[in-house]
Amino acid sequence: MPSSITTRLLELGPLRICLLGAAIFVTVLAPLADGSVHIRDWRLLPSVIAPAVMMMLMFAIPLDITMTRVFMADAPNEQARLRLKRAIWCDPLVLALMALAWTPFILKVIDFWPFA
């Protein structure tokens, strides 16, 4: 019998799980991004690929929230509405974590580092 957390996670659906998984993966890479560009070895991932994917996700997750709200208006029953409501709560949480993790990198890139 799967646990409650596993059941709740599977209720989100495979595409949303992939979206949020990508956001969490990019969030984990945020501390490794130092604002410099590396074009060789493993440092390509946190210095070039992760910031680009992060910016795409910053637009895709709010779009997912909006579309989930649209689908919730046409949900056939209360159980479907509850499942979509859980997704609406999960998306902003991951979005906020990702934005918080990448704030130092963004401040460094735009050359506004108030801590130096």
PDB file of N, CA and C in Angstrom:
ATOM      1  N   MET A   1       0.848  -1.185   0.000  1.00  0.00           N
ATOM      2  CA  MET A   1       0.000   0.000   0.000  1.00  0.00           C
ATOM      3  C   MET A   1       0.889   1.242   0.000  1.00  0.00           C
ATOM      4  N   PRO A   2       0.732   2.116  -1.016  1.00  0.00           N
ATOM      5  CA  PRO A   2       1.579   3.312  -1.083  1.00  0.00           C
ATOM      6  C   PRO A   2       1.235   4.298   0.035  1.00  0.00           C
ATOM      7  N   SER A   3       2.228   5.072   0.402  1.00  0.00           N
ATOM      8  CA  SER A   3       2.021   6.048   1.461  1.00  0.00           C
ATOM      9  C   SER A   3       1.174   7.207   0.963  1.00  0.00           C
ATOM     10  N   SER A   4       0.722   8.005   1.883  1.00  0.00           N
ATOM     11  CA  SER A   4      -0.128   9.144   1.547  1.00  0.00           C
ATOM     12  C   SER A   4       0.625  10.164   0.690  1.00  0.00           C
ATOM     13  N   ILE A   5       1.902  10.368   0.980  1.00  0.00           N
ATOM     14  CA  ILE A   5       2.695  11.332   0.208  1.00  0.00           C
ATOM     15  C   ILE A   5       2.858  10.852  -1.230  1.00  0.00           C
ATOM     16  N   THR A   6       3.117   9.569  -1.400  1.00  0.00           N
ATOM     17  CA  THR A   6       3.255   9.008  -2.743  1.00  0.00           C
ATOM     18  C   THR A   6       1.950   9.126  -3.513  1.00  0.00           C
ATOM     19  N   THR A   7       0.848   8.842  -2.848  1.00  0.00           N
ATOM     20  CA  THR A   7      -0.460   8.954  -3.490  1.00  0.00           C
ATOM     21  C   THR A   7      -0.734  10.388  -3.909  1.00  0.00           C
ATOM     22  N   ARG A   8      -0.462  11.329  -3.026  1.00  0.00           N
ATOM     23  CA  ARG A   8      -0.689  12.749  -3.342  1.00  0.00           C
ATOM     24  C   ARG A   8       0.195  13.199  -4.504  1.00  0.00           C
ATOM     25  N   LEU A   9       1.425  12.713  -4.527  1.00  0.00           N
ATOM     26  CA  LEU A   9       2.339  13.066  -5.605  1.00  0.00           C
ATOM     27  C   LEU A   9       1.854  12.508  -6.932  1.00  0.00           C
ATOM     28  N   LEU A  10       1.411  11.272  -6.927  1.00  0.00           N
ATOM     29  CA  LEU A  10       0.919  10.664  -8.166  1.00  0.00           C
ATOM     30  C   LEU A  10      -0.369  11.316  -8.654  1.00  0.00           C
ATOM     31  N   GLU A  11      -1.143  11.906  -7.745  1.00  0.00           N
ATOM     32  CA  GLU A  11      -2.363  12.611  -8.140  1.00  0.00           C
ATOM     33  C   GLU A  11      -2.069  13.853  -8.968  1.00  0.00           C
ATOM     34  N   LEU A  12      -0.866  14.394  -8.845  1.00  0.00           N
ATOM     35  CA  LEU A  12      -0.521  15.596  -9.604  1.00  0.00           C
ATOM     36  C   LEU A  12      -0.464  15.330 -11.103  1.00  0.00           C
ATOM     37  N   GLY A  13      -0.145  14.129 -11.480  1.00  0.00           N
ATOM     38  CA  GLY A  13      -0.062  13.783 -12.897  1.00  0.00           C
ATOM     39  C   GLY A  13       1.382  13.770 -13.373  1.00  0.00           C
ATOM     40  N   PRO A  14       1.649  12.994 -14.424  1.00  0.00           N
ATOM     41  CA  PRO A  14       3.035  12.826 -14.864  1.00  0.00           C
ATOM     42  C   PRO A  14       3.680  14.095 -15.410  1.00  0.00           C
ATOM     43  N   LEU A  15       2.941  14.909 -16.144  1.00  0.00           N
ATOM     44  CA  LEU A  15       3.547  16.127 -16.700  1.00  0.00           C
ATOM     45  C   LEU A  15       3.883  17.147 -15.620  1.00  0.00           C
ATOM     46  N   ARG A  16       2.982  17.299 -14.660  1.00  0.00           N
ATOM     47  CA  ARG A  16       3.251  18.247 -13.576  1.00  0.00           C
ATOM     48  C   ARG A  16       4.388  17.739 -12.690  1.00  0.00           C
ATOM     49  N   ILE A  17       4.467  16.431 -12.496  1.00  0.00           N
ATOM     50  CA  ILE A  17       5.581  15.864 -11.730  1.00  0.00           C
ATOM     51  C   ILE A  17       6.903  16.154 -12.436  1.00  0.00           C
ATOM     52  N   CYS A  18       6.919  16.013 -13.765  1.00  0.00           N
ATOM     53  CA  CYS A  18       8.144  16.325 -14.527  1.00  0.00           C
ATOM     54  C   CYS A  18       8.478  17.813 -14.434  1.00  0.00           C
ATOM     55  N   LEU A  19       7.464  18.658 -14.537  1.00  0.00           N
ATOM     56  CA  LEU A  19       7.673  20.105 -14.440  1.00  0.00           C
ATOM     57  C   LEU A  19       8.248  20.485 -13.079  1.00  0.00           C
ATOM     58  N   LEU A  20       7.632  19.987 -12.031  1.00  0.00           N
ATOM     59  CA  LEU A  20       8.099  20.317 -10.683  1.00  0.00           C
ATOM     60  C   LEU A  20       9.427  19.638 -10.371  1.00  0.00           C
ATOM     61  N   GLY A  21       9.644  18.449 -10.914  1.00  0.00           N
ATOM     62  CA  GLY A  21      10.935  17.783 -10.740  1.00  0.00           C
ATOM     63  C   GLY A  21      12.065  18.566 -11.400  1.00  0.00           C
ATOM     64  N   ALA A  22      11.800  19.092 -12.596  1.00  0.00           N
ATOM     65  CA  ALA A  22      12.804  19.925 -13.269  1.00  0.00           C
ATOM     66  C   ALA A  22      13.080  21.184 -12.458  1.00  0.00           C
ATOM     67  N   ALA A  23      12.036  21.770 -11.897  1.00  0.00           N
ATOM     68  CA  ALA A  23      12.217  22.978 -11.081  1.00  0.00           C
ATOM     69  C   ALA A  23      13.036  22.673  -9.829  1.00  0.00           C
ATOM     70  N   ILE A  24      12.785  21.550  -9.210  1.00  0.00           N
ATOM     71  CA  ILE A  24      13.549  21.178  -8.017  1.00  0.00           C
ATOM     72  C   ILE A  24      15.004  20.876  -8.386  1.00  0.00           C
ATOM     73  N   PHE A  25      15.215  20.192  -9.509  1.00  0.00           N
ATOM     74  CA  PHE A  25      16.577  19.903  -9.960  1.00  0.00           C
ATOM     75  C   PHE A  25      17.353  21.192 -10.225  1.00  0.00           C
ATOM     76  N   VAL A  26      16.718  22.150 -10.878  1.00  0.00           N
ATOM     77  CA  VAL A  26      17.358  23.437 -11.165  1.00  0.00           C
ATOM     78  C   VAL A  26      17.608  24.200  -9.865  1.00  0.00           C
ATOM     79  N   THR A  27      16.707  24.081  -8.908  1.00  0.00           N
ATOM     80  CA  THR A  27      16.876  24.740  -7.616  1.00  0.00           C
ATOM     81  C   THR A  27      18.083  24.175  -6.876  1.00  0.00           C
ATOM     82  N   VAL A  28      18.286  22.886  -6.967  1.00  0.00           N
ATOM     83  CA  VAL A  28      19.440  22.251  -6.321  1.00  0.00           C
ATOM     84  C   VAL A  28      20.741  22.743  -6.960  1.00  0.00           C
ATOM     85  N   LEU A  29      20.714  23.041  -8.262  1.00  0.00           N
ATOM     86  CA  LEU A  29      21.912  23.510  -8.953  1.00  0.00           C
ATOM     87  C   LEU A  29      22.205  25.000  -8.716  1.00  0.00           C
ATOM     88  N   ALA A  30      21.261  25.736  -8.173  1.00  0.00           N
ATOM     89  CA  ALA A  30      21.432  27.181  -7.993  1.00  0.00           C
ATOM     90  C   ALA A  30      22.678  27.562  -7.202  1.00  0.00           C
ATOM     91  N   PRO A  31      23.017  26.912  -6.097  1.00  0.00           N
ATOM     92  CA  PRO A  31      24.230  27.313  -5.368  1.00  0.00           C
ATOM     93  C   PRO A  31      25.523  27.112  -6.163  1.00  0.00           C
ATOM     94  N   LEU A  32      25.496  26.261  -7.170  1.00  0.00           N
ATOM     95  CA  LEU A  32      26.696  26.019  -7.974  1.00  0.00           C
ATOM     96  C   LEU A  32      26.888  27.071  -9.063  1.00  0.00           C
ATOM     97  N   ALA A  33      25.860  27.849  -9.352  1.00  0.00           N
ATOM     98  CA  ALA A  33      25.962  28.899 -10.373  1.00  0.00           C
ATOM     99  C   ALA A  33      26.613  30.122  -9.737  1.00  0.00           C
ATOM    100  N   ASP A  34      27.785  30.481 -10.242  1.00  0.00           N
ATOM    101  CA  ASP A  34      28.525  31.596  -9.643  1.00  0.00           C
ATOM    102  C   ASP A  34      28.512  32.856 -10.495  1.00  0.00           C
ATOM    103  N   GLY A  35      27.789  32.873 -11.588  1.00  0.00           N
ATOM    104  CA  GLY A  35      27.718  34.054 -12.429  1.00  0.00           C
ATOM    105  C   GLY A  35      28.712  34.079 -13.564  1.00  0.00           C
ATOM    106  N   SER A  36      29.613  33.119 -13.593  1.00  0.00           N
ATOM    107  CA  SER A  36      30.564  33.039 -14.694  1.00  0.00           C
ATOM    108  C   SER A  36      30.116  31.947 -15.666  1.00  0.00           C
ATOM    109  N   VAL A  37      30.587  32.050 -16.908  1.00  0.00           N
ATOM    110  CA  VAL A  37      30.193  31.102 -17.936  1.00  0.00           C
ATOM    111  C   VAL A  37      31.319  30.101 -18.155  1.00  0.00           C
ATOM    112  N   HIS A  38      30.975  28.848 -18.070  1.00  0.00           N
ATOM    113  CA  HIS A  38      31.921  27.767 -18.338  1.00  0.00           C
ATOM    114  C   HIS A  38      31.384  26.978 -19.520  1.00  0.00           C
ATOM    115  N   ILE A  39      32.245  26.736 -20.505  1.00  0.00           N
ATOM    116  CA  ILE A  39      31.773  26.030 -21.693  1.00  0.00           C
ATOM    117  C   ILE A  39      32.328  24.619 -21.808  1.00  0.00           C
ATOM    118  N   ARG A  40      33.018  24.175 -20.796  1.00  0.00           N
ATOM    119  CA  ARG A  40      33.562  22.818 -20.789  1.00  0.00           C
ATOM    120  C   ARG A  40      33.226  22.128 -19.480  1.00  0.00           C
ATOM    121  N   ASP A  41      33.281  20.833 -19.476  1.00  0.00           N
ATOM    122  CA  ASP A  41      33.079  19.928 -18.353  1.00  0.00           C
ATOM    123  C   ASP A  41      31.721  20.101 -17.677  1.00  0.00           C
ATOM    124  N   TRP A  42      31.606  19.592 -16.473  1.00  0.00           N
ATOM    125  CA  TRP A  42      30.333  19.561 -15.770  1.00  0.00           C
ATOM    126  C   TRP A  42      29.822  20.952 -15.394  1.00  0.00           C
ATOM    127  N   ARG A  43      30.701  21.961 -15.357  1.00  0.00           N
ATOM    128  CA  ARG A  43      30.290  23.312 -14.949  1.00  0.00           C
ATOM    129  C   ARG A  43      29.383  23.977 -15.978  1.00  0.00           C
ATOM    130  N   LEU A  44      29.278  23.393 -17.171  1.00  0.00           N
ATOM    131  CA  LEU A  44      28.340  23.889 -18.173  1.00  0.00           C
ATOM    132  C   LEU A  44      26.906  23.799 -17.651  1.00  0.00           C
ATOM    133  N   LEU A  45      26.598  22.752 -16.919  1.00  0.00           N
ATOM    134  CA  LEU A  45      25.244  22.555 -16.402  1.00  0.00           C
ATOM    135  C   LEU A  45      24.802  23.681 -15.464  1.00  0.00           C
ATOM    136  N   PRO A  46      25.536  23.992 -14.388  1.00  0.00           N
ATOM    137  CA  PRO A  46      25.054  25.062 -13.510  1.00  0.00           C
ATOM    138  C   PRO A  46      25.308  26.475 -14.034  1.00  0.00           C
ATOM    139  N   SER A  47      26.237  26.652 -14.964  1.00  0.00           N
ATOM    140  CA  SER A  47      26.546  28.020 -15.397  1.00  0.00           C
ATOM    141  C   SER A  47      25.785  28.458 -16.640  1.00  0.00           C
ATOM    142  N   VAL A  48      25.352  27.520 -17.479  1.00  0.00           N
ATOM    143  CA  VAL A  48      24.666  27.891 -18.723  1.00  0.00           C
ATOM    144  C   VAL A  48      23.286  27.255 -18.830  1.00  0.00           C
ATOM    145  N   ILE A  49      23.235  25.948 -18.669  1.00  0.00           N
ATOM    146  CA  ILE A  49      21.979  25.233 -18.914  1.00  0.00           C
ATOM    147  C   ILE A  49      20.948  25.508 -17.814  1.00  0.00           C
ATOM    148  N   ALA A  50      21.332  25.391 -16.566  1.00  0.00           N
ATOM    149  CA  ALA A  50      20.385  25.579 -15.461  1.00  0.00           C
ATOM    150  C   ALA A  50      19.779  26.982 -15.425  1.00  0.00           C
ATOM    151  N   PRO A  51      20.562  28.072 -15.623  1.00  0.00           N
ATOM    152  CA  PRO A  51      19.922  29.390 -15.641  1.00  0.00           C
ATOM    153  C   PRO A  51      18.918  29.554 -16.790  1.00  0.00           C
ATOM    154  N   ALA A  52      19.223  28.976 -17.947  1.00  0.00           N
ATOM    155  CA  ALA A  52      18.291  29.071 -19.072  1.00  0.00           C
ATOM    156  C   ALA A  52      17.005  28.300 -18.779  1.00  0.00           C
ATOM    157  N   VAL A  53      17.147  27.107 -18.226  1.00  0.00           N
ATOM    158  CA  VAL A  53      15.969  26.309 -17.888  1.00  0.00           C
ATOM    159  C   VAL A  53      15.185  26.980 -16.763  1.00  0.00           C
ATOM    160  N   MET A  54      15.889  27.576 -15.804  1.00  0.00           N
ATOM    161  CA  MET A  54      15.211  28.280 -14.708  1.00  0.00           C
ATOM    162  C   MET A  54      14.322  29.398 -15.236  1.00  0.00           C
ATOM    163  N   MET A  55      14.827  30.165 -16.202  1.00  0.00           N
ATOM    164  CA  MET A  55      14.014  31.256 -16.750  1.00  0.00           C
ATOM    165  C   MET A  55      12.781  30.725 -17.487  1.00  0.00           C
ATOM    166  N   MET A  56      12.930  29.608 -18.178  1.00  0.00           N
ATOM    167  CA  MET A  56      11.773  28.997 -18.849  1.00  0.00           C
ATOM    168  C   MET A  56      10.742  28.531 -17.825  1.00  0.00           C
ATOM    169  N   LEU A  57      11.227  27.952 -16.739  1.00  0.00           N
ATOM    170  CA  LEU A  57      10.320  27.467 -15.706  1.00  0.00           C
ATOM    171  C   LEU A  57       9.631  28.609 -14.965  1.00  0.00           C
ATOM    172  N   MET A  58      10.298  29.747 -14.851  1.00  0.00           N
ATOM    173  CA  MET A  58       9.677  30.907 -14.202  1.00  0.00           C
ATOM    174  C   MET A  58       8.444  31.381 -14.966  1.00  0.00           C
ATOM    175  N   PHE A  59       8.368  31.068 -16.252  1.00  0.00           N
ATOM    176  CA  PHE A  59       7.187  31.387 -17.039  1.00  0.00           C
ATOM    177  C   PHE A  59       6.235  30.197 -17.141  1.00  0.00           C
ATOM    178  N   ALA A  60       6.766  28.988 -17.177  1.00  0.00           N
ATOM    179  CA  ALA A  60       5.932  27.805 -17.367  1.00  0.00           C
ATOM    180  C   ALA A  60       5.107  27.457 -16.130  1.00  0.00           C
ATOM    181  N   ILE A  61       5.667  27.636 -14.952  1.00  0.00           N
ATOM    182  CA  ILE A  61       4.932  27.281 -13.737  1.00  0.00           C
ATOM    183  C   ILE A  61       3.727  28.204 -13.512  1.00  0.00           C
ATOM    184  N   PRO A  62       3.858  29.538 -13.657  1.00  0.00           N
ATOM    185  CA  PRO A  62       2.643  30.357 -13.558  1.00  0.00           C
ATOM    186  C   PRO A  62       1.600  30.023 -14.634  1.00  0.00           C
ATOM    187  N   LEU A  63       2.065  29.637 -15.813  1.00  0.00           N
ATOM    188  CA  LEU A  63       1.126  29.202 -16.847  1.00  0.00           C
ATOM    189  C   LEU A  63       0.401  27.931 -16.404  1.00  0.00           C
ATOM    190  N   ASP A  64       1.123  27.016 -15.780  1.00  0.00           N
ATOM    191  CA  ASP A  64       0.499  25.800 -15.271  1.00  0.00           C
ATOM    192  C   ASP A  64      -0.529  26.127 -14.198  1.00  0.00           C
ATOM    193  N   ILE A  65      -0.223  27.082 -13.332  1.00  0.00           N
ATOM    194  CA  ILE A  65      -1.174  27.496 -12.294  1.00  0.00           C
ATOM    195  C   ILE A  65      -2.436  28.053 -12.944  1.00  0.00           C
ATOM    196  N   THR A  66      -2.265  28.892 -13.959  1.00  0.00           N
ATOM    197  CA  THR A  66      -3.410  29.494 -14.646  1.00  0.00           C
ATOM    198  C   THR A  66      -4.267  28.431 -15.331  1.00  0.00           C
ATOM    199  N   MET A  67      -3.621  27.525 -16.042  1.00  0.00           N
ATOM    200  CA  MET A  67      -4.377  26.494 -16.751  1.00  0.00           C
ATOM    201  C   MET A  67      -5.045  25.516 -15.780  1.00  0.00           C
ATOM    202  N   THR A  68      -4.413  25.257 -14.653  1.00  0.00           N
ATOM    203  CA  THR A  68      -5.037  24.409 -13.641  1.00  0.00           C
ATOM    204  C   THR A  68      -6.290  25.071 -13.102  1.00  0.00           C
ATOM    205  N   ARG A  69      -6.230  26.379 -12.914  1.00  0.00           N
ATOM    206  CA  ARG A  69      -7.408  27.127 -12.449  1.00  0.00           C
ATOM    207  C   ARG A  69      -8.528  27.061 -13.484  1.00  0.00           C
ATOM    208  N   VAL A  70      -8.187  27.147 -14.758  1.00  0.00           N
ATOM    209  CA  VAL A  70      -9.185  27.045 -15.824  1.00  0.00           C
ATOM    210  C   VAL A  70      -9.823  25.656 -15.819  1.00  0.00           C
ATOM    211  N   PHE A  71      -8.997  24.615 -15.706  1.00  0.00           N
ATOM    212  CA  PHE A  71      -9.531  23.256 -15.682  1.00  0.00           C
ATOM    213  C   PHE A  71     -10.357  22.997 -14.421  1.00  0.00           C
ATOM    214  N   MET A  72     -10.007  23.665 -13.323  1.00  0.00           N
ATOM    215  CA  MET A  72     -10.752  23.480 -12.088  1.00  0.00           C
ATOM    216  C   MET A  72     -12.175  24.012 -12.226  1.00  0.00           C
ATOM    217  N   ALA A  73     -12.367  25.046 -13.031  1.00  0.00           N
ATOM    218  CA  ALA A  73     -13.702  25.603 -13.232  1.00  0.00           C
ATOM    219  C   ALA A  73     -14.617  24.601 -13.932  1.00  0.00           C
ATOM    220  N   ASP A  74     -14.053  23.725 -14.750  1.00  0.00           N
ATOM    221  CA  ASP A  74     -14.845  22.732 -15.475  1.00  0.00           C
ATOM    222  C   ASP A  74     -14.703  21.326 -14.911  1.00  0.00           C
ATOM    223  N   ALA A  75     -14.182  21.190 -13.716  1.00  0.00           N
ATOM    224  CA  ALA A  75     -13.983  19.862 -13.124  1.00  0.00           C
ATOM    225  C   ALA A  75     -15.336  19.186 -12.910  1.00  0.00           C
ATOM    226  N   PRO A  76     -15.409  17.896 -13.220  1.00  0.00           N
ATOM    227  CA  PRO A  76     -16.696  17.206 -13.163  1.00  0.00           C
ATOM    228  C   PRO A  76     -17.220  16.944 -11.750  1.00  0.00           C
ATOM    229  N   ASN A  77     -16.322  16.808 -10.779  1.00  0.00           N
ATOM    230  CA  ASN A  77     -16.793  16.524  -9.417  1.00  0.00           C
ATOM    231  C   ASN A  77     -15.858  17.162  -8.391  1.00  0.00           C
ATOM    232  N   GLU A  78     -16.239  17.015  -7.145  1.00  0.00           N
ATOM    233  CA  GLU A  78     -15.479  17.639  -6.053  1.00  0.00           C
ATOM    234  C   GLU A  78     -14.099  17.001  -5.885  1.00  0.00           C
ATOM    235  N   GLN A  79     -13.993  15.713  -6.141  1.00  0.00           N
ATOM    236  CA  GLN A  79     -12.695  15.038  -6.017  1.00  0.00           C
ATOM    237  C   GLN A  79     -11.693  15.589  -7.038  1.00  0.00           C
ATOM    238  N   ALA A  80     -12.132  15.843  -8.257  1.00  0.00           N
ATOM    239  CA  ALA A  80     -11.254  16.410  -9.286  1.00  0.00           C
ATOM    240  C   ALA A  80     -10.856  17.832  -8.919  1.00  0.00           C
ATOM    241  N   ARG A  81     -11.807  18.601  -8.381  1.00  0.00           N
ATOM    242  CA  ARG A  81     -11.485  19.972  -7.954  1.00  0.00           C
ATOM    243  C   ARG A  81     -10.473  19.972  -6.815  1.00  0.00           C
ATOM    244  N   LEU A  82     -10.600  19.037  -5.894  1.00  0.00           N
ATOM    245  CA  LEU A  82      -9.661  18.943  -4.773  1.00  0.00           C
ATOM    246  C   LEU A  82      -8.254  18.586  -5.266  1.00  0.00           C
ATOM    247  N   ARG A  83      -8.172  17.674  -6.236  1.00  0.00           N
ATOM    248  CA  ARG A  83      -6.879  17.291  -6.812  1.00  0.00           C
ATOM    249  C   ARG A  83      -6.219  18.488  -7.498  1.00  0.00           C
ATOM    250  N   LEU A  84      -7.000  19.272  -8.236  1.00  0.00           N
ATOM    251  CA  LEU A  84      -6.453  20.445  -8.913  1.00  0.00           C
ATOM    252  C   LEU A  84      -6.094  21.542  -7.924  1.00  0.00           C
ATOM    253  N   LYS A  85      -6.859  21.645  -6.859  1.00  0.00           N
ATOM    254  CA  LYS A  85      -6.544  22.640  -5.823  1.00  0.00           C
ATOM    255  C   LYS A  85      -5.213  22.324  -5.161  1.00  0.00           C
ATOM    256  N   ARG A  86      -4.931  21.032  -4.951  1.00  0.00           N
ATOM    257  CA  ARG A  86      -3.633  20.635  -4.389  1.00  0.00           C
ATOM    258  C   ARG A  86      -2.491  21.014  -5.342  1.00  0.00           C
ATOM    259  N   ALA A  87      -2.737  20.856  -6.626  1.00  0.00           N
ATOM    260  CA  ALA A  87      -1.711  21.225  -7.612  1.00  0.00           C
ATOM    261  C   ALA A  87      -1.474  22.733  -7.587  1.00  0.00           C
ATOM    262  N   ILE A  88      -2.538  23.502  -7.415  1.00  0.00           N
ATOM    263  CA  ILE A  88      -2.392  24.964  -7.359  1.00  0.00           C
ATOM    264  C   ILE A  88      -1.584  25.370  -6.132  1.00  0.00           C
ATOM    265  N   TRP A  89      -1.660  24.622  -5.049  1.00  0.00           N
ATOM    266  CA  TRP A  89      -0.860  24.935  -3.864  1.00  0.00           C
ATOM    267  C   TRP A  89       0.588  24.485  -4.009  1.00  0.00           C
ATOM    268  N   CYS A  90       0.802  23.421  -4.748  1.00  0.00           N
ATOM    269  CA  CYS A  90       2.150  22.869  -4.898  1.00  0.00           C
ATOM    270  C   CYS A  90       3.008  23.718  -5.846  1.00  0.00           C
ATOM    271  N   ASP A  91       2.418  24.177  -6.941  1.00  0.00           N
ATOM    272  CA  ASP A  91       3.161  24.953  -7.941  1.00  0.00           C
ATOM    273  C   ASP A  91       3.775  26.238  -7.378  1.00  0.00           C
ATOM    274  N   PRO A  92       3.020  27.095  -6.698  1.00  0.00           N
ATOM    275  CA  PRO A  92       3.636  28.326  -6.177  1.00  0.00           C
ATOM    276  C   PRO A  92       4.720  28.079  -5.141  1.00  0.00           C
ATOM    277  N   LEU A  93       4.577  27.005  -4.390  1.00  0.00           N
ATOM    278  CA  LEU A  93       5.600  26.677  -3.401  1.00  0.00           C
ATOM    279  C   LEU A  93       6.931  26.373  -4.083  1.00  0.00           C
ATOM    280  N   VAL A  94       6.896  25.544  -5.113  1.00  0.00           N
ATOM    281  CA  VAL A  94       8.118  25.206  -5.847  1.00  0.00           C
ATOM    282  C   VAL A  94       8.646  26.435  -6.588  1.00  0.00           C
ATOM    283  N   LEU A  95       7.759  27.247  -7.133  1.00  0.00           N
ATOM    284  CA  LEU A  95       8.167  28.475  -7.824  1.00  0.00           C
ATOM    285  C   LEU A  95       8.878  29.431  -6.859  1.00  0.00           C
ATOM    286  N   ALA A  96       8.336  29.591  -5.673  1.00  0.00           N
ATOM    287  CA  ALA A  96       8.957  30.481  -4.682  1.00  0.00           C
ATOM    288  C   ALA A  96      10.325  29.953  -4.243  1.00  0.00           C
ATOM    289  N   LEU A  97      10.429  28.645  -4.031  1.00  0.00           N
ATOM    290  CA  LEU A  97      11.726  28.062  -3.664  1.00  0.00           C
ATOM    291  C   LEU A  97      12.757  28.273  -4.763  1.00  0.00           C
ATOM    292  N   MET A  98      12.340  28.086  -6.001  1.00  0.00           N
ATOM    293  CA  MET A  98      13.257  28.262  -7.121  1.00  0.00           C
ATOM    294  C   MET A  98      13.689  29.726  -7.233  1.00  0.00           C
ATOM    295  N   ALA A  99      12.740  30.646  -7.109  1.00  0.00           N
ATOM    296  CA  ALA A  99      13.076  32.071  -7.189  1.00  0.00           C
ATOM    297  C   ALA A  99      14.023  32.480  -6.062  1.00  0.00           C
ATOM    298  N   LEU A 100      13.772  31.980  -4.876  1.00  0.00           N
ATOM    299  CA  LEU A 100      14.647  32.299  -3.743  1.00  0.00           C
ATOM    300  C   LEU A 100      16.049  31.753  -3.948  1.00  0.00           C
ATOM    301  N   ALA A 101      16.148  30.532  -4.452  1.00  0.00           N
ATOM    302  CA  ALA A 101      17.461  29.912  -4.649  1.00  0.00           C
ATOM    303  C   ALA A 101      18.272  30.630  -5.725  1.00  0.00           C
ATOM    304  N   TRP A 102      17.603  31.175  -6.740  1.00  0.00           N
ATOM    305  CA  TRP A 102      18.316  31.806  -7.854  1.00  0.00           C
ATOM    306  C   TRP A 102      18.485  33.316  -7.682  1.00  0.00           C
ATOM    307  N   THR A 103      17.942  33.900  -6.628  1.00  0.00           N
ATOM    308  CA  THR A 103      18.074  35.344  -6.423  1.00  0.00           C
ATOM    309  C   THR A 103      19.529  35.803  -6.340  1.00  0.00           C
ATOM    310  N   PRO A 104      20.427  35.148  -5.593  1.00  0.00           N
ATOM    311  CA  PRO A 104      21.825  35.608  -5.584  1.00  0.00           C
ATOM    312  C   PRO A 104      22.468  35.593  -6.972  1.00  0.00           C
ATOM    313  N   PHE A 105      22.197  34.572  -7.755  1.00  0.00           N
ATOM    314  CA  PHE A 105      22.742  34.490  -9.109  1.00  0.00           C
ATOM    315  C   PHE A 105      22.229  35.643  -9.973  1.00  0.00           C
ATOM    316  N   ILE A 106      20.940  35.907  -9.921  1.00  0.00           N
ATOM    317  CA  ILE A 106      20.357  36.984 -10.730  1.00  0.00           C
ATOM    318  C   ILE A 106      20.925  38.329 -10.316  1.00  0.00           C
ATOM    319  N   LEU A 107      21.056  38.570  -9.014  1.00  0.00           N
ATOM    320  CA  LEU A 107      21.638  39.828  -8.546  1.00  0.00           C
ATOM    321  C   LEU A 107      23.077  39.991  -9.010  1.00  0.00           C
ATOM    322  N   LYS A 108      23.807  38.896  -9.040  1.00  0.00           N
ATOM    323  CA  LYS A 108      25.199  38.953  -9.487  1.00  0.00           C
ATOM    324  C   LYS A 108      25.282  39.212 -10.994  1.00  0.00           C
ATOM    325  N   VAL A 109      24.392  38.603 -11.763  1.00  0.00           N
ATOM    326  CA  VAL A 109      24.407  38.772 -13.208  1.00  0.00           C
ATOM    327  C   VAL A 109      24.019  40.192 -13.607  1.00  0.00           C
ATOM    328  N   ILE A 110      23.050  40.782 -12.936  1.00  0.00           N
ATOM    329  CA  ILE A 110      22.648  42.159 -13.280  1.00  0.00           C
ATOM    330  C   ILE A 110      23.538  43.197 -12.586  1.00  0.00           C
ATOM    331  N   ASP A 111      24.585  42.716 -11.930  1.00  0.00           N
ATOM    332  CA  ASP A 111      25.569  43.565 -11.274  1.00  0.00           C
ATOM    333  C   ASP A 111      24.966  44.446 -10.177  1.00  0.00           C
ATOM    334  N   PHE A 112      24.076  43.864  -9.426  1.00  0.00           N
ATOM    335  CA  PHE A 112      23.501  44.529  -8.273  1.00  0.00           C
ATOM    336  C   PHE A 112      23.697  43.586  -7.087  1.00  0.00           C
ATOM    337  N   TRP A 113      24.849  43.667  -6.482  1.00  0.00           N
ATOM    338  CA  TRP A 113      25.180  42.804  -5.365  1.00  0.00           C
ATOM    339  C   TRP A 113      25.329  43.665  -4.132  1.00  0.00           C
ATOM    340  N   PRO A 114      24.271  43.795  -3.322  1.00  0.00           N
ATOM    341  CA  PRO A 114      24.306  44.702  -2.174  1.00  0.00           C
ATOM    342  C   PRO A 114      25.170  44.207  -1.016  1.00  0.00           C
ATOM    343  N   PHE A 115      25.666  42.972  -1.092  1.00  0.00           N
ATOM    344  CA  PHE A 115      26.421  42.405   0.017  1.00  0.00           C
ATOM    345  C   PHE A 115      27.933  42.517  -0.152  1.00  0.00           C
ATOM    346  N   ALA A 116      28.386  43.180  -1.198  1.00  0.00           N
ATOM    347  CA  ALA A 116      29.828  43.263  -1.447  1.00  0.00           C
ATOM    348  C   ALA A 116      30.407  44.565  -0.948  1.00  0.00           C
TER     349      ALA A 116
END
